[in-house]
Structures are given as C-alpha cells and as structure tokens.
Amino acid sequence: MSSTRQGADAFLFQLMLLLCAIWGIQQVAIKLAAADIAPLLQVTLRSGIAALLVAGVMFWQRGWQGWLRGTWRAGVLAGGLFALEFFFIARGLQYTSASHMAVFLYTAPIFSALGLHLLLPSERLRPLQWGGIALCFGGIALAFGGELDWARMDRNLLLGDGLGLLAGMAWGATTVVVRGSRLSEAPPTLTLFYQLAVAFLLLLGYAAAIGQLGPIRWTPVSIGSVLLQGVVVSFFSYLAWFWLLRRYLASNMAVFSFMTPLFGVSFGVLILDEPLTRNFVIGALLVLAGIMLVSNHAWVRKRLLAGRGLARQEGTTD
C-alpha cells in the first residue's frame, strides 16, 4: 500500500465523529455501571476481552512474529503505563464526575509532547506549542478550583480530578515509550496487544490482591458496559484509529479527536445528570485550546499565515 496519506474528507469526518462519541461515552459507562461492578474490575475485564480479540487478529494476519525479540521490553513498559492509566481512571471515577474525567484524561497530548521534547531532537517544542502548554495548565488550574469553597474544600472532587490528571500523564508517557522505541515501527496490533495483555494481568493481580474480584451483579447495564468497553472501545475503535492513521494525515485526525472531551462532558450531563460549573466549562475550553495548539501547531500556524496573507492582499486591493 502507498505511504501517501490523504487529507480530510467526508468519510474521515463521519468515522471520527463515531470514534469520538465512543471514546467520550466510556467514562460515563464505567460510572453508570459502578453500582453493579466495581470500576477497577470493569477496566480489567475490558482489557482481557480486547486482548483476546486482538490476539485473534494477530494470528490471522501473521505479520508480527519477527518483532517480538526487539519490542517486548518496550511493550511491557507500555502495557504497565496503560494499566496505570486505567487504574487512575477507575479510582478517579469513584470521586469525580465522568465529565471532569473526560477533560483531564485528554490532557495526555500535553504530557507526551513534553516527554518527546526531552527525548527526541526532532520533537522539540515550538513557541506556539509552549503557549498552548501554558494555556492548558491555566485551564487546569481554573477547572480544578475556580469555584470551590476552599474553607469547605471538596477533597473528594479534587482527589478524583487529580487522578484524572495522573491518568492523562500515564497515557502521555505511554505515547512517549511507543514513539521512542521500535514499537513505533511494529505492527499496530502488536503494540495494542502488549498494552491490553499486560494491563489485564497487572490489573487482575491487583484486584485479586485487594479483594475486588466481586461481588458482581450481571445486569443489562453492567454487561453492556463491559462489552462496550472491551469490544467497541478497546478493540473496534482502537483498530479503526490505526487503520485511519495509515490512510489519512495524522494532523487532520488529531483536529477531529478534540471532539472527544466535548462528547464526554455532554454524555455526563445528559445521561448521569452531572452538574457543570461556569469555571469548569471555561477551564475545559482553555485546556482544549491548549491541546489544539500543542498537537496541531503546524496546522494552526499555516492557517494564521494564510489569514495574514489574505489580509495583506485585501489591504493592497483597497
């Protein structure tokens, strides 16, 4: 297949709209089913189900065997960070809302950009990106505590939001490990399998150690949540994302992916009736704007230069 990637079109927009809606609802599903099955057990089962499905795809494709020797160390590390990400998500959702988790989790591109800046000379941050990082952290500060009564601090909410931020850091670190190792060249199914299989084993071991393998009430909500996360989110949506990356420009896809936190907040309000404060909304928008500048600085800069050129042309015409 040709290595040439094409620009955005209607098909990309429609599929990315579907993927972002899927990613946005996963925290809501975990929260919705928490009364029937513990969040930690939900993220454990989703990793196990998806790992089995991805393993089936790998054995069908048979293009991964030669990569095992040179990638297993990075794969185990990436899987450990992946497990840590979902550990923080599961714990955080016990204290904060799915809306807050959706925003803080998607700070991951900020932390991956900082890590890659230190690791790879080709990934040095540009001034526009540093401005985006400042904007993002300003938004985090506003969303964290802008409307809390510090005399009667909601410590549970702060703890949950902090765990969401740690989940974003773990996700960002996973990206750095993948990007800085041979996993960046390995088949996507192998990278995904490492993450899912290692996460399943680690989370299962931890859940067993602390006695959180039960009780489980297999209700339509709990079954639906586990299947949604294991089959739709961790298997279908991740493989669809990798498939798109081989056909479309990553910068265009990254722009569309910023719809995910918006879906997450919307689903949290509509399905779980979660409240939204003014400062959280403003802070979340600042976070999204900062992530946009960091992840798509070249696209933003191109648009700014095009706008300046058009303004100059109009001025000359006048």
C-alpha atoms as a PDB file:
ATOM      1  CA  MET A   1       0.000   0.000   0.000  1.00  0.00           C
ATOM      2  CA  SER A   2       1.248   3.521  -0.760  1.00  0.00           C
ATOM      3  CA  SER A   3       2.655   5.533   2.145  1.00  0.00           C
ATOM      4  CA  THR A   4       0.915   8.682   0.875  1.00  0.00           C
ATOM      5  CA  ARG A   5      -1.712   9.957   3.295  1.00  0.00           C
ATOM      6  CA  GLN A   6      -4.728  11.882   2.063  1.00  0.00           C
ATOM      7  CA  GLY A   7      -6.373  14.928   3.568  1.00  0.00           C
ATOM      8  CA  ALA A   8      -9.679  15.116   5.384  1.00  0.00           C
ATOM      9  CA  ASP A   9     -12.861  14.135   3.582  1.00  0.00           C
ATOM     10  CA  ALA A  10     -16.474  13.356   4.481  1.00  0.00           C
ATOM     11  CA  PHE A  11     -15.709   9.710   5.294  1.00  0.00           C
ATOM     12  CA  LEU A  12     -12.960  10.674   7.755  1.00  0.00           C
ATOM     13  CA  PHE A  13     -15.222  13.223   9.445  1.00  0.00           C
ATOM     14  CA  GLN A  14     -18.082  10.729   9.810  1.00  0.00           C
ATOM     15  CA  LEU A  15     -15.885   7.923  11.174  1.00  0.00           C
ATOM     16  CA  MET A  16     -14.033  10.266  13.544  1.00  0.00           C
ATOM     17  CA  LEU A  17     -17.385  11.572  14.772  1.00  0.00           C
ATOM     18  CA  LEU A  18     -18.348   7.988  15.623  1.00  0.00           C
ATOM     19  CA  LEU A  19     -14.992   7.209  17.266  1.00  0.00           C
ATOM     20  CA  CYS A  20     -15.030  10.376  19.377  1.00  0.00           C
ATOM     21  CA  ALA A  21     -18.564   9.594  20.561  1.00  0.00           C
ATOM     22  CA  ILE A  22     -17.415   6.069  21.510  1.00  0.00           C
ATOM     23  CA  TRP A  23     -14.374   7.384  23.403  1.00  0.00           C
ATOM     24  CA  GLY A  24     -16.438  10.090  25.055  1.00  0.00           C
ATOM     25  CA  ILE A  25     -19.015   7.684  26.486  1.00  0.00           C
ATOM     26  CA  GLN A  26     -16.600   5.150  28.016  1.00  0.00           C
ATOM     27  CA  GLN A  27     -16.146   7.027  31.333  1.00  0.00           C
ATOM     28  CA  VAL A  28     -19.921   7.518  31.532  1.00  0.00           C
ATOM     29  CA  ALA A  29     -20.456   3.766  31.039  1.00  0.00           C
ATOM     30  CA  ILE A  30     -17.996   2.914  33.831  1.00  0.00           C
ATOM     31  CA  LYS A  31     -19.697   5.369  36.181  1.00  0.00           C
ATOM     32  CA  LEU A  32     -23.182   4.164  35.214  1.00  0.00           C
ATOM     33  CA  ALA A  33     -22.359   0.506  35.959  1.00  0.00           C
ATOM     34  CA  ALA A  34     -20.296   1.172  39.108  1.00  0.00           C
ATOM     35  CA  ALA A  35     -23.126   0.070  41.423  1.00  0.00           C
ATOM     36  CA  ASP A  36     -23.188  -3.386  39.785  1.00  0.00           C
ATOM     37  CA  ILE A  37     -19.493  -3.962  39.062  1.00  0.00           C
ATOM     38  CA  ALA A  38     -16.521  -2.077  40.507  1.00  0.00           C
ATOM     39  CA  PRO A  39     -14.797   0.322  38.070  1.00  0.00           C
ATOM     40  CA  LEU A  40     -11.471  -1.441  38.641  1.00  0.00           C
ATOM     41  CA  LEU A  41     -12.956  -4.779  37.634  1.00  0.00           C
ATOM     42  CA  GLN A  42     -14.618  -3.190  34.605  1.00  0.00           C
ATOM     43  CA  VAL A  43     -11.323  -1.870  33.218  1.00  0.00           C
ATOM     44  CA  THR A  44      -9.679  -5.234  33.989  1.00  0.00           C
ATOM     45  CA  LEU A  45     -12.284  -7.237  32.075  1.00  0.00           C
ATOM     46  CA  ARG A  46     -12.302  -4.815  29.142  1.00  0.00           C
ATOM     47  CA  SER A  47      -8.535  -5.264  28.727  1.00  0.00           C
ATOM     48  CA  GLY A  48      -8.827  -9.062  28.839  1.00  0.00           C
ATOM     49  CA  ILE A  49     -11.687  -9.222  26.328  1.00  0.00           C
ATOM     50  CA  ALA A  50      -9.979  -6.858  23.902  1.00  0.00           C
ATOM     51  CA  ALA A  51      -6.619  -8.644  24.265  1.00  0.00           C
ATOM     52  CA  LEU A  52      -8.214 -11.930  23.179  1.00  0.00           C
ATOM     53  CA  LEU A  53      -9.863 -10.269  20.166  1.00  0.00           C
ATOM     54  CA  VAL A  54      -6.645  -8.521  19.110  1.00  0.00           C
ATOM     55  CA  ALA A  55      -4.721 -11.804  19.524  1.00  0.00           C
ATOM     56  CA  GLY A  56      -7.160 -13.405  17.088  1.00  0.00           C
ATOM     57  CA  VAL A  57      -6.490 -10.659  14.544  1.00  0.00           C
ATOM     58  CA  MET A  58      -2.725 -11.044  15.019  1.00  0.00           C
ATOM     59  CA  PHE A  59      -2.768 -14.794  14.374  1.00  0.00           C
ATOM     60  CA  TRP A  60      -4.920 -14.211  11.308  1.00  0.00           C
ATOM     61  CA  GLN A  61      -2.538 -11.581   9.898  1.00  0.00           C
ATOM     62  CA  ARG A  62       0.706 -13.411  10.876  1.00  0.00           C
ATOM     63  CA  GLY A  63       2.898 -10.351  10.383  1.00  0.00           C
ATOM     64  CA  TRP A  64       4.130  -9.806  13.930  1.00  0.00           C
ATOM     65  CA  GLN A  65       6.402 -12.761  14.814  1.00  0.00           C
ATOM     66  CA  GLY A  66       9.661 -11.111  13.782  1.00  0.00           C
ATOM     67  CA  TRP A  67       9.033  -8.121  16.040  1.00  0.00           C
ATOM     68  CA  LEU A  68       8.809  -9.891  19.411  1.00  0.00           C
ATOM     69  CA  ARG A  69      12.517 -10.045  20.265  1.00  0.00           C
ATOM     70  CA  GLY A  70      13.166  -6.358  19.692  1.00  0.00           C
ATOM     71  CA  THR A  71       9.991  -4.938  21.197  1.00  0.00           C
ATOM     72  CA  TRP A  72       8.976  -6.954  24.247  1.00  0.00           C
ATOM     73  CA  ARG A  73      10.731  -4.736  26.820  1.00  0.00           C
ATOM     74  CA  ALA A  74       9.139  -1.574  25.484  1.00  0.00           C
ATOM     75  CA  GLY A  75       5.875  -3.481  25.127  1.00  0.00           C
ATOM     76  CA  VAL A  76       5.860  -4.499  28.783  1.00  0.00           C
ATOM     77  CA  LEU A  77       6.654  -0.916  29.833  1.00  0.00           C
ATOM     78  CA  ALA A  78       3.916   0.490  27.599  1.00  0.00           C
ATOM     79  CA  GLY A  79       1.495  -2.092  28.988  1.00  0.00           C
ATOM     80  CA  GLY A  80       2.411  -1.165  32.551  1.00  0.00           C
ATOM     81  CA  LEU A  81       1.732   2.511  31.850  1.00  0.00           C
ATOM     82  CA  PHE A  82      -1.517   1.566  30.112  1.00  0.00           C
ATOM     83  CA  ALA A  83      -2.554  -0.344  33.240  1.00  0.00           C
ATOM     84  CA  LEU A  84      -1.622   2.639  35.389  1.00  0.00           C
ATOM     85  CA  GLU A  85      -3.749   4.923  33.206  1.00  0.00           C
ATOM     86  CA  PHE A  86      -6.861   2.811  33.674  1.00  0.00           C
ATOM     87  CA  PHE A  87      -6.126   2.254  37.359  1.00  0.00           C
ATOM     88  CA  PHE A  88      -6.226   6.039  37.817  1.00  0.00           C
ATOM     89  CA  ILE A  89      -9.406   6.266  35.721  1.00  0.00           C
ATOM     90  CA  ALA A  90     -11.155   3.578  37.758  1.00  0.00           C
ATOM     91  CA  ARG A  91     -10.132   5.127  41.071  1.00  0.00           C
ATOM     92  CA  GLY A  92     -10.792   8.666  39.929  1.00  0.00           C
ATOM     93  CA  LEU A  93     -14.344   7.933  38.839  1.00  0.00           C
ATOM     94  CA  GLN A  94     -15.129   6.944  42.427  1.00  0.00           C
ATOM     95  CA  TYR A  95     -14.564  10.569  43.463  1.00  0.00           C
ATOM     96  CA  THR A  96     -15.190  12.825  40.484  1.00  0.00           C
ATOM     97  CA  SER A  97     -17.655  13.071  37.621  1.00  0.00           C
ATOM     98  CA  ALA A  98     -17.309  11.445  34.226  1.00  0.00           C
ATOM     99  CA  SER A  99     -17.351  14.957  32.720  1.00  0.00           C
ATOM    100  CA  HIS A 100     -14.296  16.020  34.709  1.00  0.00           C
ATOM    101  CA  MET A 101     -12.515  12.742  33.937  1.00  0.00           C
ATOM    102  CA  ALA A 102     -13.122  13.184  30.189  1.00  0.00           C
ATOM    103  CA  VAL A 103     -11.374  16.575  30.216  1.00  0.00           C
ATOM    104  CA  PHE A 104      -8.431  15.754  32.496  1.00  0.00           C
ATOM    105  CA  LEU A 105      -7.717  12.422  30.778  1.00  0.00           C
ATOM    106  CA  TYR A 106      -7.343  14.154  27.417  1.00  0.00           C
ATOM    107  CA  THR A 107      -4.502  16.334  28.669  1.00  0.00           C
ATOM    108  CA  ALA A 108      -2.347  13.371  27.557  1.00  0.00           C
ATOM    109  CA  PRO A 109      -1.023  15.102  24.384  1.00  0.00           C
ATOM    110  CA  ILE A 110       0.483  17.839  26.570  1.00  0.00           C
ATOM    111  CA  PHE A 111       2.500  15.348  28.615  1.00  0.00           C
ATOM    112  CA  SER A 112       3.528  13.296  25.588  1.00  0.00           C
ATOM    113  CA  ALA A 113       4.737  16.489  23.865  1.00  0.00           C
ATOM    114  CA  LEU A 114       6.812  17.428  26.926  1.00  0.00           C
ATOM    115  CA  GLY A 115       8.302  13.933  27.135  1.00  0.00           C
ATOM    116  CA  LEU A 116       9.143  13.766  23.430  1.00  0.00           C
ATOM    117  CA  HIS A 117      10.663  17.270  23.637  1.00  0.00           C
ATOM    118  CA  LEU A 118      13.195  15.907  26.150  1.00  0.00           C
ATOM    119  CA  LEU A 119      13.731  12.581  24.365  1.00  0.00           C
ATOM    120  CA  LEU A 120      13.884  13.309  20.635  1.00  0.00           C
ATOM    121  CA  PRO A 121      15.573  16.314  18.941  1.00  0.00           C
ATOM    122  CA  SER A 122      13.035  16.106  16.095  1.00  0.00           C
ATOM    123  CA  GLU A 123      10.196  16.654  18.576  1.00  0.00           C
ATOM    124  CA  ARG A 124      11.401  19.963  20.061  1.00  0.00           C
ATOM    125  CA  LEU A 125       8.523  22.213  21.047  1.00  0.00           C
ATOM    126  CA  ARG A 126       7.907  25.431  19.117  1.00  0.00           C
ATOM    127  CA  PRO A 127       6.949  28.773  20.709  1.00  0.00           C
ATOM    128  CA  LEU A 128       3.320  28.288  19.685  1.00  0.00           C
ATOM    129  CA  GLN A 129       3.321  24.908  21.446  1.00  0.00           C
ATOM    130  CA  TRP A 130       4.769  26.361  24.644  1.00  0.00           C
ATOM    131  CA  GLY A 131       1.950  28.898  24.545  1.00  0.00           C
ATOM    132  CA  GLY A 132      -0.508  26.027  24.224  1.00  0.00           C
ATOM    133  CA  ILE A 133       1.025  24.280  27.246  1.00  0.00           C
ATOM    134  CA  ALA A 134       0.703  27.464  29.323  1.00  0.00           C
ATOM    135  CA  LEU A 135      -2.900  27.839  28.182  1.00  0.00           C
ATOM    136  CA  CYS A 136      -3.640  24.213  29.060  1.00  0.00           C
ATOM    137  CA  PHE A 137      -2.209  24.407  32.582  1.00  0.00           C
ATOM    138  CA  GLY A 138      -4.030  27.689  33.170  1.00  0.00           C
ATOM    139  CA  GLY A 139      -7.254  25.937  32.175  1.00  0.00           C
ATOM    140  CA  ILE A 140      -6.451  23.021  34.504  1.00  0.00           C
ATOM    141  CA  ALA A 141      -5.957  25.410  37.427  1.00  0.00           C
ATOM    142  CA  LEU A 142      -9.253  27.129  36.666  1.00  0.00           C
ATOM    143  CA  ALA A 143     -11.162  23.868  36.199  1.00  0.00           C
ATOM    144  CA  PHE A 144      -9.640  22.405  39.378  1.00  0.00           C
ATOM    145  CA  GLY A 145     -10.537  25.082  41.865  1.00  0.00           C
ATOM    146  CA  GLY A 146     -12.196  28.074  40.292  1.00  0.00           C
ATOM    147  CA  GLU A 147     -15.478  27.723  42.131  1.00  0.00           C
ATOM    148  CA  LEU A 148     -14.587  25.571  45.151  1.00  0.00           C
ATOM    149  CA  ASP A 149     -15.211  26.901  48.610  1.00  0.00           C
ATOM    150  CA  TRP A 150     -11.695  26.476  49.943  1.00  0.00           C
ATOM    151  CA  ALA A 151     -12.900  26.806  53.532  1.00  0.00           C
ATOM    152  CA  ARG A 152     -15.032  23.700  52.929  1.00  0.00           C
ATOM    153  CA  MET A 153     -12.936  22.116  50.245  1.00  0.00           C
ATOM    154  CA  ASP A 154     -14.472  19.231  48.323  1.00  0.00           C
ATOM    155  CA  ARG A 155     -11.479  16.970  48.844  1.00  0.00           C
ATOM    156  CA  ASN A 156     -13.064  14.010  47.062  1.00  0.00           C
ATOM    157  CA  LEU A 157     -13.620  16.058  43.916  1.00  0.00           C
ATOM    158  CA  LEU A 158     -10.034  17.318  43.998  1.00  0.00           C
ATOM    159  CA  LEU A 159      -8.730  13.784  44.515  1.00  0.00           C
ATOM    160  CA  GLY A 160     -10.766  12.452  41.592  1.00  0.00           C
ATOM    161  CA  ASP A 161      -9.684  15.307  39.321  1.00  0.00           C
ATOM    162  CA  GLY A 162      -6.065  14.746  40.353  1.00  0.00           C
ATOM    163  CA  LEU A 163      -6.332  11.058  39.500  1.00  0.00           C
ATOM    164  CA  GLY A 164      -7.774  12.024  36.122  1.00  0.00           C
ATOM    165  CA  LEU A 165      -4.749  14.232  35.521  1.00  0.00           C
ATOM    166  CA  LEU A 166      -2.435  11.362  36.531  1.00  0.00           C
ATOM    167  CA  ALA A 167      -4.277   9.141  34.022  1.00  0.00           C
ATOM    168  CA  GLY A 168      -3.527  11.727  31.339  1.00  0.00           C
ATOM    169  CA  MET A 169       0.147  11.704  32.391  1.00  0.00           C
ATOM    170  CA  ALA A 170       0.277   7.898  32.185  1.00  0.00           C
ATOM    171  CA  TRP A 171      -1.324   7.978  28.729  1.00  0.00           C
ATOM    172  CA  GLY A 172       1.170  10.623  27.608  1.00  0.00           C
ATOM    173  CA  ALA A 173       4.073   8.530  28.955  1.00  0.00           C
ATOM    174  CA  THR A 174       2.748   5.507  27.037  1.00  0.00           C
ATOM    175  CA  THR A 175       2.900   7.544  23.828  1.00  0.00           C
ATOM    176  CA  VAL A 176       6.491   8.561  24.610  1.00  0.00           C
ATOM    177  CA  VAL A 177       7.508   4.908  25.141  1.00  0.00           C
ATOM    178  CA  VAL A 178       5.875   3.809  21.882  1.00  0.00           C
ATOM    179  CA  ARG A 179       7.271   6.752  19.900  1.00  0.00           C
ATOM    180  CA  GLY A 180      10.790   6.379  21.330  1.00  0.00           C
ATOM    181  CA  SER A 181      11.156   2.623  20.772  1.00  0.00           C
ATOM    182  CA  ARG A 182      10.853   0.037  17.989  1.00  0.00           C
ATOM    183  CA  LEU A 183       7.144  -0.145  18.772  1.00  0.00           C
ATOM    184  CA  SER A 184       6.741   2.924  16.568  1.00  0.00           C
ATOM    185  CA  GLU A 185       7.617   0.707  13.580  1.00  0.00           C
ATOM    186  CA  ALA A 186       5.946  -2.512  14.762  1.00  0.00           C
ATOM    187  CA  PRO A 187       2.512  -3.672  13.558  1.00  0.00           C
ATOM    188  CA  PRO A 188      -0.199  -1.673  15.397  1.00  0.00           C
ATOM    189  CA  THR A 189      -1.919  -4.876  16.511  1.00  0.00           C
ATOM    190  CA  LEU A 190       1.243  -5.988  18.357  1.00  0.00           C
ATOM    191  CA  THR A 191       1.559  -2.635  20.159  1.00  0.00           C
ATOM    192  CA  LEU A 192      -2.108  -2.735  21.134  1.00  0.00           C
ATOM    193  CA  PHE A 193      -1.815  -6.349  22.301  1.00  0.00           C
ATOM    194  CA  TYR A 194       1.131  -5.526  24.558  1.00  0.00           C
ATOM    195  CA  GLN A 195      -0.867  -2.739  26.183  1.00  0.00           C
ATOM    196  CA  LEU A 196      -4.050  -4.752  26.651  1.00  0.00           C
ATOM    197  CA  ALA A 197      -2.486  -8.054  27.767  1.00  0.00           C
ATOM    198  CA  VAL A 198      -0.032  -6.537  30.256  1.00  0.00           C
ATOM    199  CA  ALA A 199      -2.731  -4.222  31.625  1.00  0.00           C
ATOM    200  CA  PHE A 200      -5.101  -7.159  32.089  1.00  0.00           C
ATOM    201  CA  LEU A 201      -2.544  -9.212  34.022  1.00  0.00           C
ATOM    202  CA  LEU A 202      -1.469  -6.325  36.249  1.00  0.00           C
ATOM    203  CA  LEU A 203      -4.978  -5.072  36.967  1.00  0.00           C
ATOM    204  CA  LEU A 204      -6.265  -8.595  37.588  1.00  0.00           C
ATOM    205  CA  GLY A 205      -3.443  -9.267  40.037  1.00  0.00           C
ATOM    206  CA  TYR A 206      -4.087  -6.014  41.881  1.00  0.00           C
ATOM    207  CA  ALA A 207      -7.856  -6.570  42.007  1.00  0.00           C
ATOM    208  CA  ALA A 208      -7.305 -10.073  43.400  1.00  0.00           C
ATOM    209  CA  ALA A 209      -4.820  -8.792  45.991  1.00  0.00           C
ATOM    210  CA  ILE A 210      -7.242  -6.215  47.387  1.00  0.00           C
ATOM    211  CA  GLY A 211     -10.290  -8.454  47.093  1.00  0.00           C
ATOM    212  CA  GLN A 212     -12.132  -6.558  44.356  1.00  0.00           C
ATOM    213  CA  LEU A 213     -12.931  -9.503  42.067  1.00  0.00           C
ATOM    214  CA  GLY A 214     -16.518  -9.316  43.315  1.00  0.00           C
ATOM    215  CA  PRO A 215     -19.311  -9.015  44.070  1.00  0.00           C
ATOM    216  CA  ILE A 216     -20.709  -8.610  40.570  1.00  0.00           C
ATOM    217  CA  ARG A 217     -24.338  -8.154  39.600  1.00  0.00           C
ATOM    218  CA  TRP A 218     -24.735  -9.118  35.962  1.00  0.00           C
ATOM    219  CA  THR A 219     -27.408  -6.632  34.974  1.00  0.00           C
ATOM    220  CA  PRO A 220     -28.055  -5.279  31.463  1.00  0.00           C
ATOM    221  CA  VAL A 221     -26.154  -2.128  32.471  1.00  0.00           C
ATOM    222  CA  SER A 222     -23.061  -3.961  33.781  1.00  0.00           C
ATOM    223  CA  ILE A 223     -22.956  -6.403  30.845  1.00  0.00           C
ATOM    224  CA  GLY A 224     -23.460  -3.575  28.380  1.00  0.00           C
ATOM    225  CA  SER A 225     -20.692  -1.501  29.980  1.00  0.00           C
ATOM    226  CA  VAL A 226     -18.114  -4.319  29.908  1.00  0.00           C
ATOM    227  CA  LEU A 227     -18.953  -5.290  26.314  1.00  0.00           C
ATOM    228  CA  LEU A 228     -18.963  -1.654  25.172  1.00  0.00           C
ATOM    229  CA  GLN A 229     -15.518  -1.086  26.634  1.00  0.00           C
ATOM    230  CA  GLY A 230     -13.996  -4.437  25.660  1.00  0.00           C
ATOM    231  CA  VAL A 231     -15.407  -4.922  22.166  1.00  0.00           C
ATOM    232  CA  VAL A 232     -16.362  -1.473  20.906  1.00  0.00           C
ATOM    233  CA  VAL A 233     -13.842   0.834  22.623  1.00  0.00           C
ATOM    234  CA  SER A 234     -10.689  -1.225  23.204  1.00  0.00           C
ATOM    235  CA  PHE A 235     -10.981  -3.421  20.102  1.00  0.00           C
ATOM    236  CA  PHE A 236     -13.011  -1.826  17.315  1.00  0.00           C
ATOM    237  CA  SER A 237     -12.280   1.862  17.922  1.00  0.00           C
ATOM    238  CA  TYR A 238      -8.526   1.446  18.525  1.00  0.00           C
ATOM    239  CA  LEU A 239      -8.047  -0.699  15.419  1.00  0.00           C
ATOM    240  CA  ALA A 240     -10.174   1.735  13.410  1.00  0.00           C
ATOM    241  CA  TRP A 241      -7.926   4.562  14.610  1.00  0.00           C
ATOM    242  CA  PHE A 242      -4.772   2.699  13.493  1.00  0.00           C
ATOM    243  CA  TRP A 243      -6.439   1.923  10.154  1.00  0.00           C
ATOM    244  CA  LEU A 244      -7.205   5.609   9.623  1.00  0.00           C
ATOM    245  CA  LEU A 245      -3.632   6.597  10.554  1.00  0.00           C
ATOM    246  CA  ARG A 246      -2.381   4.551   7.596  1.00  0.00           C
ATOM    247  CA  ARG A 247      -4.661   6.405   5.171  1.00  0.00           C
ATOM    248  CA  TYR A 248      -5.102   9.983   6.407  1.00  0.00           C
ATOM    249  CA  LEU A 249      -2.847  12.769   7.638  1.00  0.00           C
ATOM    250  CA  ALA A 250      -2.356  12.487  11.396  1.00  0.00           C
ATOM    251  CA  SER A 251      -2.735  16.256  11.862  1.00  0.00           C
ATOM    252  CA  ASN A 252      -6.220  16.197  10.355  1.00  0.00           C
ATOM    253  CA  MET A 253      -7.224  13.276  12.554  1.00  0.00           C
ATOM    254  CA  ALA A 254      -5.868  14.997  15.652  1.00  0.00           C
ATOM    255  CA  VAL A 255      -8.033  18.046  14.972  1.00  0.00           C
ATOM    256  CA  PHE A 256     -11.174  15.889  14.843  1.00  0.00           C
ATOM    257  CA  SER A 257     -10.157  13.980  18.006  1.00  0.00           C
ATOM    258  CA  PHE A 258     -10.723  17.116  20.099  1.00  0.00           C
ATOM    259  CA  MET A 259     -14.435  16.375  19.872  1.00  0.00           C
ATOM    260  CA  THR A 260     -13.932  13.519  22.372  1.00  0.00           C
ATOM    261  CA  PRO A 261     -13.934  15.558  25.623  1.00  0.00           C
ATOM    262  CA  LEU A 262     -16.934  17.508  24.322  1.00  0.00           C
ATOM    263  CA  PHE A 263     -18.811  14.233  23.866  1.00  0.00           C
ATOM    264  CA  GLY A 264     -17.650  13.079  27.300  1.00  0.00           C
ATOM    265  CA  VAL A 265     -18.943  16.200  29.023  1.00  0.00           C
ATOM    266  CA  SER A 266     -22.197  16.125  27.055  1.00  0.00           C
ATOM    267  CA  PHE A 267     -22.887  12.449  27.846  1.00  0.00           C
ATOM    268  CA  GLY A 268     -22.069  13.041  31.512  1.00  0.00           C
ATOM    269  CA  VAL A 269     -24.626  15.836  31.711  1.00  0.00           C
ATOM    270  CA  LEU A 270     -27.319  14.093  29.647  1.00  0.00           C
ATOM    271  CA  ILE A 271     -27.007  10.526  30.982  1.00  0.00           C
ATOM    272  CA  LEU A 272     -25.710  10.990  34.537  1.00  0.00           C
ATOM    273  CA  ASP A 273     -27.205  14.436  35.148  1.00  0.00           C
ATOM    274  CA  GLU A 274     -23.806  15.749  36.228  1.00  0.00           C
ATOM    275  CA  PRO A 275     -23.612  19.448  37.113  1.00  0.00           C
ATOM    276  CA  LEU A 276     -21.307  21.855  35.310  1.00  0.00           C
ATOM    277  CA  THR A 277     -19.869  24.995  36.866  1.00  0.00           C
ATOM    278  CA  ARG A 278     -19.028  28.062  34.851  1.00  0.00           C
ATOM    279  CA  ASN A 279     -15.339  27.966  35.720  1.00  0.00           C
ATOM    280  CA  PHE A 280     -15.051  24.287  34.834  1.00  0.00           C
ATOM    281  CA  VAL A 281     -16.545  24.952  31.396  1.00  0.00           C
ATOM    282  CA  ILE A 282     -14.190  27.906  30.798  1.00  0.00           C
ATOM    283  CA  GLY A 283     -11.215  25.931  32.102  1.00  0.00           C
ATOM    284  CA  ALA A 284     -12.104  22.925  29.934  1.00  0.00           C
ATOM    285  CA  LEU A 285     -12.279  25.124  26.834  1.00  0.00           C
ATOM    286  CA  LEU A 286      -8.843  26.572  27.683  1.00  0.00           C
ATOM    287  CA  VAL A 287      -7.473  23.036  28.079  1.00  0.00           C
ATOM    288  CA  LEU A 288      -8.855  22.016  24.677  1.00  0.00           C
ATOM    289  CA  ALA A 289      -7.452  25.165  23.063  1.00  0.00           C
ATOM    290  CA  GLY A 290      -4.041  24.465  24.588  1.00  0.00           C
ATOM    291  CA  ILE A 291      -4.050  20.849  23.409  1.00  0.00           C
ATOM    292  CA  MET A 292      -5.037  22.073  19.940  1.00  0.00           C
ATOM    293  CA  LEU A 293      -2.021  24.397  19.805  1.00  0.00           C
ATOM    294  CA  VAL A 294       0.396  21.723  21.042  1.00  0.00           C
ATOM    295  CA  SER A 295      -0.820  18.880  18.826  1.00  0.00           C
ATOM    296  CA  ASN A 296      -1.531  20.896  15.677  1.00  0.00           C
ATOM    297  CA  HIS A 297       0.824  23.861  15.840  1.00  0.00           C
ATOM    298  CA  ALA A 298       1.866  23.443  12.187  1.00  0.00           C
ATOM    299  CA  TRP A 299      -1.763  23.442  11.033  1.00  0.00           C
ATOM    300  CA  VAL A 300      -2.607  26.455  13.227  1.00  0.00           C
ATOM    301  CA  ARG A 301       0.483  28.342  12.066  1.00  0.00           C
ATOM    302  CA  LYS A 302      -0.363  27.632   8.428  1.00  0.00           C
ATOM    303  CA  ARG A 303      -3.882  28.976   8.930  1.00  0.00           C
ATOM    304  CA  LEU A 304      -2.576  32.102  10.702  1.00  0.00           C
ATOM    305  CA  LEU A 305      -0.091  32.795   7.931  1.00  0.00           C
ATOM    306  CA  ALA A 306      -2.798  32.238   5.312  1.00  0.00           C
ATOM    307  CA  GLY A 307      -5.064  34.663   7.154  1.00  0.00           C
ATOM    308  CA  ARG A 308      -2.325  37.310   7.288  1.00  0.00           C
ATOM    309  CA  GLY A 309      -1.599  36.850   3.604  1.00  0.00           C
ATOM    310  CA  LEU A 310      -5.273  37.283   2.750  1.00  0.00           C
ATOM    311  CA  ALA A 311      -5.491  40.406   4.919  1.00  0.00           C
ATOM    312  CA  ARG A 312      -2.465  41.920   3.192  1.00  0.00           C
ATOM    313  CA  GLN A 313      -3.900  41.088  -0.209  1.00  0.00           C
ATOM    314  CA  GLU A 314      -7.188  42.756   0.673  1.00  0.00           C
ATOM    315  CA  GLY A 315      -5.320  45.793   2.012  1.00  0.00           C
ATOM    316  CA  THR A 316      -3.378  46.096  -1.228  1.00  0.00           C
ATOM    317  CA  THR A 317      -6.589  45.811  -3.226  1.00  0.00           C
ATOM    318  CA  ASP A 318      -8.276  48.513  -1.172  1.00  0.00           C
END
